[in-house]
């Protein structure tokens, strides 16, 4: 995972990129035209649904993605239930991180594993706490976004050739629950960074614990190796700092309405094209996307103090996630 080289291509990414872009852009555009842009920003989070099992055939994703959507909705519902109580949110971040990681690793879900369940939980609690959106409306809007994104992901089934493929059993697609040695270490790392990240967040700002923990979980990924942990942490730190600069430039344009929908869709499309080949470069686009989406949902779009906070949170979380890689044994050189 070099900072100066791209990983080999794993096949065409544009279909998944297009699905993700539509999943985030269309709800914002439609709800903006209907005079309810805030609901569109919430529903756009449902686009996270299509980011899972992206390499599987559509007939297989048809069975797996409803489980992802249910997990995201449950995470959001849990977040809004404890919104307004920093202590309960902090405890919830730990619980959601550990439970979602155990399920993701146990059933070999694959990237992005528990990351978005943690972020959806924290973001839901934060938005409901600082806005006038009711908890029920928030969960309903996010659930609608998940349903729309699922429909977008299933669009290829309109082609007869796609429907003719035999679907694997869900137990074959997501085998488990089993935790091998590597998965157990990954789960232990998630538990440790969740607890330590929350404690650090309580010192820095209790409202931001979910971002610190999410950054640490993102660094852990699925690589059960010490070197990959440090490399991924470095990528996240540098990519986030550069991405914040991109956000600063975009924020000066004060995007809103349909322009914001188009901008977020373009960012999401680009992210999915590059994320498997260069993590740091992907974060240059991920950071402004998340900051713009969060800012739009909370009415704080363009706030540079929020961008500065995100840099601090990400640096702390990425360093924590990279340091947890020390739990993996040092690689033994070949020939020994």
C-alpha atoms as a PDB file:
ATOM      1  CA  UNK A   1       0.000   0.000   0.000  1.00  0.00           C
ATOM      2  CA  UNK A   2       2.513   2.583  -1.203  1.00  0.00           C
ATOM      3  CA  UNK A   3       1.818   6.304  -1.127  1.00  0.00           C
ATOM      4  CA  UNK A   4       3.406   6.568  -4.554  1.00  0.00           C
ATOM      5  CA  UNK A   5       1.856   3.636  -6.421  1.00  0.00           C
ATOM      6  CA  UNK A   6      -1.588   2.314  -7.238  1.00  0.00           C
ATOM      7  CA  UNK A   7      -2.628  -1.219  -6.341  1.00  0.00           C
ATOM      8  CA  UNK A   8      -3.463  -3.493  -9.289  1.00  0.00           C
ATOM      9  CA  UNK A   9      -6.929  -3.126 -10.764  1.00  0.00           C
ATOM     10  CA  UNK A  10      -9.484  -5.671  -9.544  1.00  0.00           C
ATOM     11  CA  UNK A  11     -11.831  -5.280 -12.464  1.00  0.00           C
ATOM     12  CA  UNK A  12     -14.263  -2.541 -13.525  1.00  0.00           C
ATOM     13  CA  UNK A  13     -15.507  -0.414 -10.629  1.00  0.00           C
ATOM     14  CA  UNK A  14     -17.757   1.988 -12.508  1.00  0.00           C
ATOM     15  CA  UNK A  15     -21.030   0.007 -12.011  1.00  0.00           C
ATOM     16  CA  UNK A  16     -20.645   0.099  -8.214  1.00  0.00           C
ATOM     17  CA  UNK A  17     -19.435   3.709  -8.410  1.00  0.00           C
ATOM     18  CA  UNK A  18     -22.509   4.686 -10.408  1.00  0.00           C
ATOM     19  CA  UNK A  19     -24.839   2.926  -7.966  1.00  0.00           C
ATOM     20  CA  UNK A  20     -23.239   4.711  -5.012  1.00  0.00           C
ATOM     21  CA  UNK A  21     -23.381   8.062  -6.798  1.00  0.00           C
ATOM     22  CA  UNK A  22     -27.081   7.655  -7.602  1.00  0.00           C
ATOM     23  CA  UNK A  23     -27.776   6.479  -4.062  1.00  0.00           C
ATOM     24  CA  UNK A  24     -26.365   9.648  -2.563  1.00  0.00           C
ATOM     25  CA  UNK A  25     -27.285  12.196  -5.239  1.00  0.00           C
ATOM     26  CA  UNK A  26     -30.851  11.318  -6.231  1.00  0.00           C
ATOM     27  CA  UNK A  27     -32.434  11.512  -2.723  1.00  0.00           C
ATOM     28  CA  UNK A  28     -30.892  14.951  -2.186  1.00  0.00           C
ATOM     29  CA  UNK A  29     -32.013  16.196  -5.599  1.00  0.00           C
ATOM     30  CA  UNK A  30     -35.566  14.840  -5.268  1.00  0.00           C
ATOM     31  CA  UNK A  31     -36.126  16.110  -1.727  1.00  0.00           C
ATOM     32  CA  UNK A  32     -34.638  19.488  -2.641  1.00  0.00           C
ATOM     33  CA  UNK A  33     -37.175  19.815  -5.452  1.00  0.00           C
ATOM     34  CA  UNK A  34     -39.918  18.831  -2.975  1.00  0.00           C
ATOM     35  CA  UNK A  35     -38.784  21.512  -0.532  1.00  0.00           C
ATOM     36  CA  UNK A  36     -37.376  19.102   2.086  1.00  0.00           C
ATOM     37  CA  UNK A  37     -33.616  19.067   1.469  1.00  0.00           C
ATOM     38  CA  UNK A  38     -32.825  18.078   5.073  1.00  0.00           C
ATOM     39  CA  UNK A  39     -34.599  14.753   4.561  1.00  0.00           C
ATOM     40  CA  UNK A  40     -32.608  14.233   1.385  1.00  0.00           C
ATOM     41  CA  UNK A  41     -29.320  14.629   3.245  1.00  0.00           C
ATOM     42  CA  UNK A  42     -30.422  12.015   5.760  1.00  0.00           C
ATOM     43  CA  UNK A  43     -31.678   9.606   3.094  1.00  0.00           C
ATOM     44  CA  UNK A  44     -28.368   9.977   1.249  1.00  0.00           C
ATOM     45  CA  UNK A  45     -26.687   8.028   4.045  1.00  0.00           C
ATOM     46  CA  UNK A  46     -28.613   5.022   2.771  1.00  0.00           C
ATOM     47  CA  UNK A  47     -26.132   4.927  -0.114  1.00  0.00           C
ATOM     48  CA  UNK A  48     -23.736   3.171   2.258  1.00  0.00           C
ATOM     49  CA  UNK A  49     -25.861   0.069   1.627  1.00  0.00           C
ATOM     50  CA  UNK A  50     -24.487  -0.470  -1.872  1.00  0.00           C
ATOM     51  CA  UNK A  51     -20.842  -0.272  -0.790  1.00  0.00           C
ATOM     52  CA  UNK A  52     -20.942  -3.813   0.622  1.00  0.00           C
ATOM     53  CA  UNK A  53     -20.352  -7.117  -1.217  1.00  0.00           C
ATOM     54  CA  UNK A  54     -19.711  -5.015  -4.309  1.00  0.00           C
ATOM     55  CA  UNK A  55     -17.726  -7.713  -6.086  1.00  0.00           C
ATOM     56  CA  UNK A  56     -20.515 -10.293  -5.834  1.00  0.00           C
ATOM     57  CA  UNK A  57     -23.012 -10.903  -8.676  1.00  0.00           C
ATOM     58  CA  UNK A  58     -26.262  -8.953  -8.408  1.00  0.00           C
ATOM     59  CA  UNK A  59     -28.282 -12.112  -7.700  1.00  0.00           C
ATOM     60  CA  UNK A  60     -26.116 -12.702  -4.629  1.00  0.00           C
ATOM     61  CA  UNK A  61     -26.228  -9.069  -3.522  1.00  0.00           C
ATOM     62  CA  UNK A  62     -30.026  -9.272  -3.673  1.00  0.00           C
ATOM     63  CA  UNK A  63     -29.879 -11.556  -0.631  1.00  0.00           C
ATOM     64  CA  UNK A  64     -27.074  -9.879   1.288  1.00  0.00           C
ATOM     65  CA  UNK A  65     -27.824  -6.162   0.977  1.00  0.00           C
ATOM     66  CA  UNK A  66     -31.146  -6.252   2.892  1.00  0.00           C
ATOM     67  CA  UNK A  67     -29.128  -7.428   5.908  1.00  0.00           C
ATOM     68  CA  UNK A  68     -26.744  -4.489   5.454  1.00  0.00           C
ATOM     69  CA  UNK A  69     -29.651  -2.074   5.181  1.00  0.00           C
ATOM     70  CA  UNK A  70     -31.251  -3.530   8.302  1.00  0.00           C
ATOM     71  CA  UNK A  71     -27.964  -3.096  10.180  1.00  0.00           C
ATOM     72  CA  UNK A  72     -27.679   0.542   9.087  1.00  0.00           C
ATOM     73  CA  UNK A  73     -31.268   1.295  10.084  1.00  0.00           C
ATOM     74  CA  UNK A  74     -30.761  -0.413  13.443  1.00  0.00           C
ATOM     75  CA  UNK A  75     -27.582   1.612  13.981  1.00  0.00           C
ATOM     76  CA  UNK A  76     -29.455   4.825  13.166  1.00  0.00           C
ATOM     77  CA  UNK A  77     -32.353   3.905  15.455  1.00  0.00           C
ATOM     78  CA  UNK A  78     -29.943   3.175  18.289  1.00  0.00           C
ATOM     79  CA  UNK A  79     -28.219   6.515  17.704  1.00  0.00           C
ATOM     80  CA  UNK A  80     -31.374   8.621  17.823  1.00  0.00           C
ATOM     81  CA  UNK A  81     -32.547   6.826  20.970  1.00  0.00           C
ATOM     82  CA  UNK A  82     -29.505   8.014  22.929  1.00  0.00           C
ATOM     83  CA  UNK A  83     -29.080  11.395  21.212  1.00  0.00           C
ATOM     84  CA  UNK A  84     -28.524  14.198  23.679  1.00  0.00           C
ATOM     85  CA  UNK A  85     -26.669  12.051  26.218  1.00  0.00           C
ATOM     86  CA  UNK A  86     -22.918  12.082  25.549  1.00  0.00           C
ATOM     87  CA  UNK A  87     -22.366   9.241  27.999  1.00  0.00           C
ATOM     88  CA  UNK A  88     -24.954   6.974  26.384  1.00  0.00           C
ATOM     89  CA  UNK A  89     -23.681   7.860  22.917  1.00  0.00           C
ATOM     90  CA  UNK A  90     -20.143   7.002  24.000  1.00  0.00           C
ATOM     91  CA  UNK A  91     -21.239   3.650  25.396  1.00  0.00           C
ATOM     92  CA  UNK A  92     -23.266   3.051  22.253  1.00  0.00           C
ATOM     93  CA  UNK A  93     -20.243   3.727  20.032  1.00  0.00           C
ATOM     94  CA  UNK A  94     -18.351   0.961  21.822  1.00  0.00           C
ATOM     95  CA  UNK A  95     -21.253  -1.488  21.642  1.00  0.00           C
ATOM     96  CA  UNK A  96     -21.987  -0.826  17.970  1.00  0.00           C
ATOM     97  CA  UNK A  97     -18.301  -1.041  17.030  1.00  0.00           C
ATOM     98  CA  UNK A  98     -17.733  -4.349  18.800  1.00  0.00           C
ATOM     99  CA  UNK A  99     -21.007  -6.010  17.775  1.00  0.00           C
ATOM    100  CA  UNK A 100     -20.803  -4.927  14.133  1.00  0.00           C
ATOM    101  CA  UNK A 101     -17.135  -5.956  13.978  1.00  0.00           C
ATOM    102  CA  UNK A 102     -17.906  -9.382  15.454  1.00  0.00           C
ATOM    103  CA  UNK A 103     -20.632  -9.948  12.869  1.00  0.00           C
ATOM    104  CA  UNK A 104     -18.604  -8.529   9.970  1.00  0.00           C
ATOM    105  CA  UNK A 105     -15.493 -10.575  10.748  1.00  0.00           C
ATOM    106  CA  UNK A 106     -17.457 -13.640  11.815  1.00  0.00           C
ATOM    107  CA  UNK A 107     -19.421 -13.778   8.555  1.00  0.00           C
ATOM    108  CA  UNK A 108     -16.539 -12.549   6.371  1.00  0.00           C
ATOM    109  CA  UNK A 109     -18.481  -9.546   5.167  1.00  0.00           C
ATOM    110  CA  UNK A 110     -15.455  -7.802   3.693  1.00  0.00           C
ATOM    111  CA  UNK A 111     -14.737  -4.091   3.200  1.00  0.00           C
ATOM    112  CA  UNK A 112     -15.858  -1.679   4.510  1.00  0.00           C
ATOM    113  CA  UNK A 113     -16.767  -4.045   7.374  1.00  0.00           C
ATOM    114  CA  UNK A 114     -18.025  -2.317  10.582  1.00  0.00           C
ATOM    115  CA  UNK A 115     -17.043   1.226   9.581  1.00  0.00           C
ATOM    116  CA  UNK A 116     -20.356   2.599   8.341  1.00  0.00           C
ATOM    117  CA  UNK A 117     -22.408   1.077  11.136  1.00  0.00           C
ATOM    118  CA  UNK A 118     -20.291   3.042  13.607  1.00  0.00           C
ATOM    119  CA  UNK A 119     -20.490   6.243  11.570  1.00  0.00           C
ATOM    120  CA  UNK A 120     -24.253   5.976  10.997  1.00  0.00           C
ATOM    121  CA  UNK A 121     -24.817   5.451  14.723  1.00  0.00           C
ATOM    122  CA  UNK A 122     -22.721   8.474  15.675  1.00  0.00           C
ATOM    123  CA  UNK A 123     -23.948  10.707  12.870  1.00  0.00           C
ATOM    124  CA  UNK A 124     -27.585   9.907  13.686  1.00  0.00           C
ATOM    125  CA  UNK A 125     -27.098  10.775  17.347  1.00  0.00           C
ATOM    126  CA  UNK A 126     -25.288  13.995  16.427  1.00  0.00           C
ATOM    127  CA  UNK A 127     -27.788  15.237  13.831  1.00  0.00           C
ATOM    128  CA  UNK A 128     -30.836  14.571  16.010  1.00  0.00           C
ATOM    129  CA  UNK A 129     -29.146  16.272  18.971  1.00  0.00           C
ATOM    130  CA  UNK A 130     -28.318  19.505  17.114  1.00  0.00           C
ATOM    131  CA  UNK A 131     -31.251  19.796  14.676  1.00  0.00           C
ATOM    132  CA  UNK A 132     -35.032  19.889  14.884  1.00  0.00           C
ATOM    133  CA  UNK A 133     -35.475  16.601  12.981  1.00  0.00           C
ATOM    134  CA  UNK A 134     -37.512  14.162  15.039  1.00  0.00           C
ATOM    135  CA  UNK A 135     -36.020  10.727  15.751  1.00  0.00           C
ATOM    136  CA  UNK A 136     -38.841   8.916  13.945  1.00  0.00           C
ATOM    137  CA  UNK A 137     -38.536  11.078  10.842  1.00  0.00           C
ATOM    138  CA  UNK A 138     -34.762  10.636  10.832  1.00  0.00           C
ATOM    139  CA  UNK A 139     -34.919   6.838  10.942  1.00  0.00           C
ATOM    140  CA  UNK A 140     -37.704   6.808   8.360  1.00  0.00           C
ATOM    141  CA  UNK A 141     -35.728   8.978   5.962  1.00  0.00           C
ATOM    142  CA  UNK A 142     -32.591   6.866   6.326  1.00  0.00           C
ATOM    143  CA  UNK A 143     -34.589   3.668   5.849  1.00  0.00           C
ATOM    144  CA  UNK A 144     -36.116   5.134   2.684  1.00  0.00           C
ATOM    145  CA  UNK A 145     -32.608   5.937   1.462  1.00  0.00           C
ATOM    146  CA  UNK A 146     -31.524   2.352   2.088  1.00  0.00           C
ATOM    147  CA  UNK A 147     -34.531   1.034   0.152  1.00  0.00           C
ATOM    148  CA  UNK A 148     -33.788   3.354  -2.768  1.00  0.00           C
ATOM    149  CA  UNK A 149     -30.113   2.381  -2.821  1.00  0.00           C
ATOM    150  CA  UNK A 150     -31.088  -1.289  -2.759  1.00  0.00           C
ATOM    151  CA  UNK A 151     -33.377  -0.711  -5.729  1.00  0.00           C
ATOM    152  CA  UNK A 152     -30.523   0.982  -7.596  1.00  0.00           C
ATOM    153  CA  UNK A 153     -28.206  -1.937  -6.815  1.00  0.00           C
ATOM    154  CA  UNK A 154     -30.820  -4.366  -8.137  1.00  0.00           C
ATOM    155  CA  UNK A 155     -31.318  -2.484 -11.422  1.00  0.00           C
ATOM    156  CA  UNK A 156     -28.963  -4.886 -13.309  1.00  0.00           C
ATOM    157  CA  UNK A 157     -31.549  -7.635 -12.723  1.00  0.00           C
ATOM    158  CA  UNK A 158     -33.662  -5.964 -15.411  1.00  0.00           C
ATOM    159  CA  UNK A 159     -31.282  -7.590 -17.895  1.00  0.00           C
ATOM    160  CA  UNK A 160     -32.297 -11.228 -18.570  1.00  0.00           C
ATOM    161  CA  UNK A 161     -28.651 -12.324 -18.711  1.00  0.00           C
ATOM    162  CA  UNK A 162     -28.122 -11.114 -15.142  1.00  0.00           C
ATOM    163  CA  UNK A 163     -31.252 -12.842 -13.844  1.00  0.00           C
ATOM    164  CA  UNK A 164     -30.185 -16.169 -15.386  1.00  0.00           C
ATOM    165  CA  UNK A 165     -27.217 -16.510 -13.047  1.00  0.00           C
ATOM    166  CA  UNK A 166     -27.684 -18.944 -10.179  1.00  0.00           C
ATOM    167  CA  UNK A 167     -27.665 -17.314  -6.767  1.00  0.00           C
ATOM    168  CA  UNK A 168     -25.510 -18.771  -4.039  1.00  0.00           C
ATOM    169  CA  UNK A 169     -27.005 -19.637  -0.690  1.00  0.00           C
ATOM    170  CA  UNK A 170     -26.637 -16.863   1.850  1.00  0.00           C
ATOM    171  CA  UNK A 171     -24.641 -19.204   4.074  1.00  0.00           C
ATOM    172  CA  UNK A 172     -22.165 -19.628   1.216  1.00  0.00           C
ATOM    173  CA  UNK A 173     -21.959 -15.935   0.430  1.00  0.00           C
ATOM    174  CA  UNK A 174     -21.530 -14.991   4.093  1.00  0.00           C
ATOM    175  CA  UNK A 175     -20.066 -18.101   5.757  1.00  0.00           C
ATOM    176  CA  UNK A 176     -19.963 -18.250   9.515  1.00  0.00           C
ATOM    177  CA  UNK A 177     -20.122 -17.357  12.248  1.00  0.00           C
ATOM    178  CA  UNK A 178     -16.482 -18.294  12.764  1.00  0.00           C
ATOM    179  CA  UNK A 179     -13.511 -16.282  13.948  1.00  0.00           C
ATOM    180  CA  UNK A 180     -10.084 -17.537  12.973  1.00  0.00           C
ATOM    181  CA  UNK A 181      -6.925 -16.289  14.688  1.00  0.00           C
ATOM    182  CA  UNK A 182      -6.579 -13.248  12.429  1.00  0.00           C
ATOM    183  CA  UNK A 183     -10.233 -12.286  12.833  1.00  0.00           C
ATOM    184  CA  UNK A 184     -10.006 -12.569  16.618  1.00  0.00           C
ATOM    185  CA  UNK A 185      -7.047 -10.200  16.661  1.00  0.00           C
ATOM    186  CA  UNK A 186      -8.935  -7.763  14.429  1.00  0.00           C
ATOM    187  CA  UNK A 187     -11.946  -7.916  16.752  1.00  0.00           C
ATOM    188  CA  UNK A 188      -9.706  -7.342  19.775  1.00  0.00           C
ATOM    189  CA  UNK A 189      -8.187  -4.326  18.032  1.00  0.00           C
ATOM    190  CA  UNK A 190     -11.652  -2.894  17.331  1.00  0.00           C
ATOM    191  CA  UNK A 191     -12.671  -3.364  20.968  1.00  0.00           C
ATOM    192  CA  UNK A 192      -9.502  -1.682  22.224  1.00  0.00           C
ATOM    193  CA  UNK A 193      -9.656   1.300  19.859  1.00  0.00           C
ATOM    194  CA  UNK A 194     -13.366   1.730  20.610  1.00  0.00           C
ATOM    195  CA  UNK A 195     -12.785   1.955  24.359  1.00  0.00           C
ATOM    196  CA  UNK A 196      -9.622   4.061  24.153  1.00  0.00           C
ATOM    197  CA  UNK A 197     -11.088   6.228  21.384  1.00  0.00           C
ATOM    198  CA  UNK A 198     -14.164   6.978  23.484  1.00  0.00           C
ATOM    199  CA  UNK A 199     -12.022   7.861  26.490  1.00  0.00           C
ATOM    200  CA  UNK A 200      -9.928  10.208  24.358  1.00  0.00           C
ATOM    201  CA  UNK A 201     -13.110  11.641  22.860  1.00  0.00           C
ATOM    202  CA  UNK A 202     -14.495  12.425  26.292  1.00  0.00           C
ATOM    203  CA  UNK A 203     -11.411  14.564  26.844  1.00  0.00           C
ATOM    204  CA  UNK A 204     -11.379  16.186  23.388  1.00  0.00           C
ATOM    205  CA  UNK A 205     -15.141  16.546  22.856  1.00  0.00           C
ATOM    206  CA  UNK A 206     -17.766  13.929  23.814  1.00  0.00           C
ATOM    207  CA  UNK A 207     -19.824  14.784  20.716  1.00  0.00           C
ATOM    208  CA  UNK A 208     -16.967  13.658  18.464  1.00  0.00           C
ATOM    209  CA  UNK A 209     -16.133  10.245  19.902  1.00  0.00           C
ATOM    210  CA  UNK A 210     -17.798   8.427  16.998  1.00  0.00           C
ATOM    211  CA  UNK A 211     -15.497  10.096  14.478  1.00  0.00           C
ATOM    212  CA  UNK A 212     -12.365   9.174  16.428  1.00  0.00           C
ATOM    213  CA  UNK A 213     -13.487   5.570  16.772  1.00  0.00           C
ATOM    214  CA  UNK A 214     -14.644   5.443  13.145  1.00  0.00           C
ATOM    215  CA  UNK A 215     -11.241   6.669  11.969  1.00  0.00           C
ATOM    216  CA  UNK A 216      -9.509   4.006  14.055  1.00  0.00           C
ATOM    217  CA  UNK A 217     -11.828   1.249  12.793  1.00  0.00           C
ATOM    218  CA  UNK A 218     -11.233   2.353   9.194  1.00  0.00           C
ATOM    219  CA  UNK A 219      -7.493   1.970   9.695  1.00  0.00           C
ATOM    220  CA  UNK A 220      -7.914  -1.549  11.074  1.00  0.00           C
ATOM    221  CA  UNK A 221      -9.780  -2.666   7.950  1.00  0.00           C
ATOM    222  CA  UNK A 222      -9.422  -6.378   7.218  1.00  0.00           C
ATOM    223  CA  UNK A 223      -5.623  -6.610   7.145  1.00  0.00           C
ATOM    224  CA  UNK A 224      -4.397  -8.867   9.939  1.00  0.00           C
ATOM    225  CA  UNK A 225      -0.824  -7.607   9.709  1.00  0.00           C
ATOM    226  CA  UNK A 226       1.299  -5.042  11.515  1.00  0.00           C
ATOM    227  CA  UNK A 227       2.810  -3.373   8.451  1.00  0.00           C
ATOM    228  CA  UNK A 228      -0.562  -2.840   6.755  1.00  0.00           C
ATOM    229  CA  UNK A 229      -1.896  -1.230   9.931  1.00  0.00           C
ATOM    230  CA  UNK A 230       0.824   1.423   9.944  1.00  0.00           C
ATOM    231  CA  UNK A 231       0.553   2.030   6.202  1.00  0.00           C
ATOM    232  CA  UNK A 232      -3.228   2.402   6.343  1.00  0.00           C
ATOM    233  CA  UNK A 233      -2.920   4.809   9.268  1.00  0.00           C
ATOM    234  CA  UNK A 234      -0.459   6.960   7.334  1.00  0.00           C
ATOM    235  CA  UNK A 235      -2.735   6.963   4.313  1.00  0.00           C
ATOM    236  CA  UNK A 236      -5.689   8.072   6.430  1.00  0.00           C
ATOM    237  CA  UNK A 237      -3.775  10.887   8.113  1.00  0.00           C
ATOM    238  CA  UNK A 238      -2.335  12.362   4.924  1.00  0.00           C
ATOM    239  CA  UNK A 239      -5.479  11.803   2.863  1.00  0.00           C
ATOM    240  CA  UNK A 240      -7.684  13.493   5.446  1.00  0.00           C
ATOM    241  CA  UNK A 241      -5.465  16.557   5.736  1.00  0.00           C
ATOM    242  CA  UNK A 242      -5.412  16.935   1.942  1.00  0.00           C
ATOM    243  CA  UNK A 243      -9.149  16.258   1.762  1.00  0.00           C
ATOM    244  CA  UNK A 244      -9.841  18.996   4.278  1.00  0.00           C
ATOM    245  CA  UNK A 245      -8.063  21.411   1.947  1.00  0.00           C
ATOM    246  CA  UNK A 246     -10.364  20.288  -0.868  1.00  0.00           C
ATOM    247  CA  UNK A 247     -13.351  20.835   1.432  1.00  0.00           C
ATOM    248  CA  UNK A 248     -12.159  24.362   2.227  1.00  0.00           C
ATOM    249  CA  UNK A 249     -12.097  25.214  -1.477  1.00  0.00           C
ATOM    250  CA  UNK A 250     -15.513  23.660  -2.135  1.00  0.00           C
ATOM    251  CA  UNK A 251     -17.041  25.311   0.942  1.00  0.00           C
ATOM    252  CA  UNK A 252     -16.093  28.729  -0.446  1.00  0.00           C
ATOM    253  CA  UNK A 253     -18.512  28.011  -3.302  1.00  0.00           C
ATOM    254  CA  UNK A 254     -21.359  27.468  -0.774  1.00  0.00           C
ATOM    255  CA  UNK A 255     -22.900  24.563  -2.719  1.00  0.00           C
ATOM    256  CA  UNK A 256     -26.556  23.882  -2.054  1.00  0.00           C
ATOM    257  CA  UNK A 257     -29.606  22.303  -3.595  1.00  0.00           C
ATOM    258  CA  UNK A 258     -29.146  20.482  -6.879  1.00  0.00           C
ATOM    259  CA  UNK A 259     -25.543  21.641  -7.190  1.00  0.00           C
ATOM    260  CA  UNK A 260     -24.731  20.015  -3.863  1.00  0.00           C
ATOM    261  CA  UNK A 261     -26.469  16.803  -4.955  1.00  0.00           C
ATOM    262  CA  UNK A 262     -24.406  16.734  -8.143  1.00  0.00           C
ATOM    263  CA  UNK A 263     -21.178  17.516  -6.274  1.00  0.00           C
ATOM    264  CA  UNK A 264     -21.700  14.770  -3.696  1.00  0.00           C
ATOM    265  CA  UNK A 265     -22.606  12.266  -6.418  1.00  0.00           C
ATOM    266  CA  UNK A 266     -19.418  13.146  -8.314  1.00  0.00           C
ATOM    267  CA  UNK A 267     -17.319  12.757  -5.167  1.00  0.00           C
ATOM    268  CA  UNK A 268     -18.902   9.392  -4.342  1.00  0.00           C
ATOM    269  CA  UNK A 269     -18.381   8.147  -7.887  1.00  0.00           C
ATOM    270  CA  UNK A 270     -14.701   9.100  -7.758  1.00  0.00           C
ATOM    271  CA  UNK A 271     -14.234   7.498  -4.347  1.00  0.00           C
ATOM    272  CA  UNK A 272     -15.483   4.119  -5.506  1.00  0.00           C
ATOM    273  CA  UNK A 273     -13.224   4.212  -8.533  1.00  0.00           C
ATOM    274  CA  UNK A 274     -10.021   4.748  -6.553  1.00  0.00           C
ATOM    275  CA  UNK A 275     -10.602   3.407  -3.019  1.00  0.00           C
ATOM    276  CA  UNK A 276      -9.400  -0.136  -3.744  1.00  0.00           C
ATOM    277  CA  UNK A 277      -6.319   1.117  -5.558  1.00  0.00           C
ATOM    278  CA  UNK A 278      -5.110   4.034  -3.427  1.00  0.00           C
ATOM    279  CA  UNK A 279      -6.594   4.608   0.037  1.00  0.00           C
ATOM    280  CA  UNK A 280      -4.959   8.005   0.657  1.00  0.00           C
ATOM    281  CA  UNK A 281      -6.201   9.385  -2.668  1.00  0.00           C
ATOM    282  CA  UNK A 282      -9.702   8.104  -1.920  1.00  0.00           C
ATOM    283  CA  UNK A 283      -9.663   9.994   1.376  1.00  0.00           C
ATOM    284  CA  UNK A 284      -8.935  13.215  -0.482  1.00  0.00           C
ATOM    285  CA  UNK A 285     -12.500  12.817  -1.805  1.00  0.00           C
ATOM    286  CA  UNK A 286     -14.066  10.992   1.158  1.00  0.00           C
ATOM    287  CA  UNK A 287     -13.235  13.808   3.587  1.00  0.00           C
ATOM    288  CA  UNK A 288     -14.987  16.641   1.719  1.00  0.00           C
ATOM    289  CA  UNK A 289     -17.939  14.364   0.960  1.00  0.00           C
ATOM    290  CA  UNK A 290     -18.518  13.528   4.618  1.00  0.00           C
ATOM    291  CA  UNK A 291     -17.919  17.110   5.760  1.00  0.00           C
ATOM    292  CA  UNK A 292     -20.309  18.507   3.147  1.00  0.00           C
ATOM    293  CA  UNK A 293     -22.988  15.893   3.879  1.00  0.00           C
ATOM    294  CA  UNK A 294     -22.693  16.299   7.655  1.00  0.00           C
ATOM    295  CA  UNK A 295     -22.609  20.079   7.380  1.00  0.00           C
ATOM    296  CA  UNK A 296     -25.685  20.113   5.160  1.00  0.00           C
ATOM    297  CA  UNK A 297     -27.596  17.825   7.547  1.00  0.00           C
ATOM    298  CA  UNK A 298     -26.741  19.983  10.584  1.00  0.00           C
ATOM    299  CA  UNK A 299     -26.865  23.377   8.879  1.00  0.00           C
ATOM    300  CA  UNK A 300     -23.127  23.923   9.430  1.00  0.00           C
ATOM    301  CA  UNK A 301     -21.926  23.590   5.853  1.00  0.00           C
ATOM    302  CA  UNK A 302     -18.843  25.698   5.211  1.00  0.00           C
ATOM    303  CA  UNK A 303     -17.837  25.808   8.885  1.00  0.00           C
ATOM    304  CA  UNK A 304     -14.052  25.594   8.878  1.00  0.00           C
ATOM    305  CA  UNK A 305     -13.890  24.994  12.629  1.00  0.00           C
ATOM    306  CA  UNK A 306     -15.700  21.695  11.974  1.00  0.00           C
ATOM    307  CA  UNK A 307     -13.109  20.824   9.331  1.00  0.00           C
ATOM    308  CA  UNK A 308     -10.338  21.530  11.830  1.00  0.00           C
ATOM    309  CA  UNK A 309     -12.017  19.290  14.382  1.00  0.00           C
ATOM    310  CA  UNK A 310     -12.237  16.491  11.842  1.00  0.00           C
ATOM    311  CA  UNK A 311      -8.495  16.724  11.179  1.00  0.00           C
ATOM    312  CA  UNK A 312      -7.764  16.386  14.897  1.00  0.00           C
ATOM    313  CA  UNK A 313     -10.235  13.530  15.328  1.00  0.00           C
ATOM    314  CA  UNK A 314      -8.894  11.669  12.312  1.00  0.00           C
ATOM    315  CA  UNK A 315      -5.263  12.071  13.322  1.00  0.00           C
ATOM    316  CA  UNK A 316      -6.052  10.754  16.801  1.00  0.00           C
ATOM    317  CA  UNK A 317      -8.157   7.864  15.481  1.00  0.00           C
ATOM    318  CA  UNK A 318      -5.742   6.915  12.712  1.00  0.00           C
ATOM    319  CA  UNK A 319      -2.786   6.919  15.118  1.00  0.00           C
ATOM    320  CA  UNK A 320      -4.786   4.778  17.529  1.00  0.00           C
ATOM    321  CA  UNK A 321      -5.791   2.313  14.813  1.00  0.00           C
ATOM    322  CA  UNK A 322      -2.230   2.060  13.510  1.00  0.00           C
ATOM    323  CA  UNK A 323      -0.821   1.558  17.022  1.00  0.00           C
ATOM    324  CA  UNK A 324      -3.281  -1.293  17.606  1.00  0.00           C
ATOM    325  CA  UNK A 325      -1.480  -3.123  14.805  1.00  0.00           C
ATOM    326  CA  UNK A 326       1.238  -3.916  17.337  1.00  0.00           C
ATOM    327  CA  UNK A 327      -1.084  -6.654  18.593  1.00  0.00           C
ATOM    328  CA  UNK A 328      -0.271  -8.615  15.444  1.00  0.00           C
ATOM    329  CA  UNK A 329       2.920 -10.688  15.599  1.00  0.00           C
ATOM    330  CA  UNK A 330       5.820  -9.377  13.565  1.00  0.00           C
ATOM    331  CA  UNK A 331       5.994 -11.025  10.142  1.00  0.00           C
ATOM    332  CA  UNK A 332       8.603 -13.779   9.915  1.00  0.00           C
ATOM    333  CA  UNK A 333      10.890 -13.425   6.866  1.00  0.00           C
ATOM    334  CA  UNK A 334      10.687 -16.246   4.323  1.00  0.00           C
ATOM    335  CA  UNK A 335      13.213 -19.016   4.772  1.00  0.00           C
ATOM    336  CA  UNK A 336      13.131 -19.060   8.544  1.00  0.00           C
END
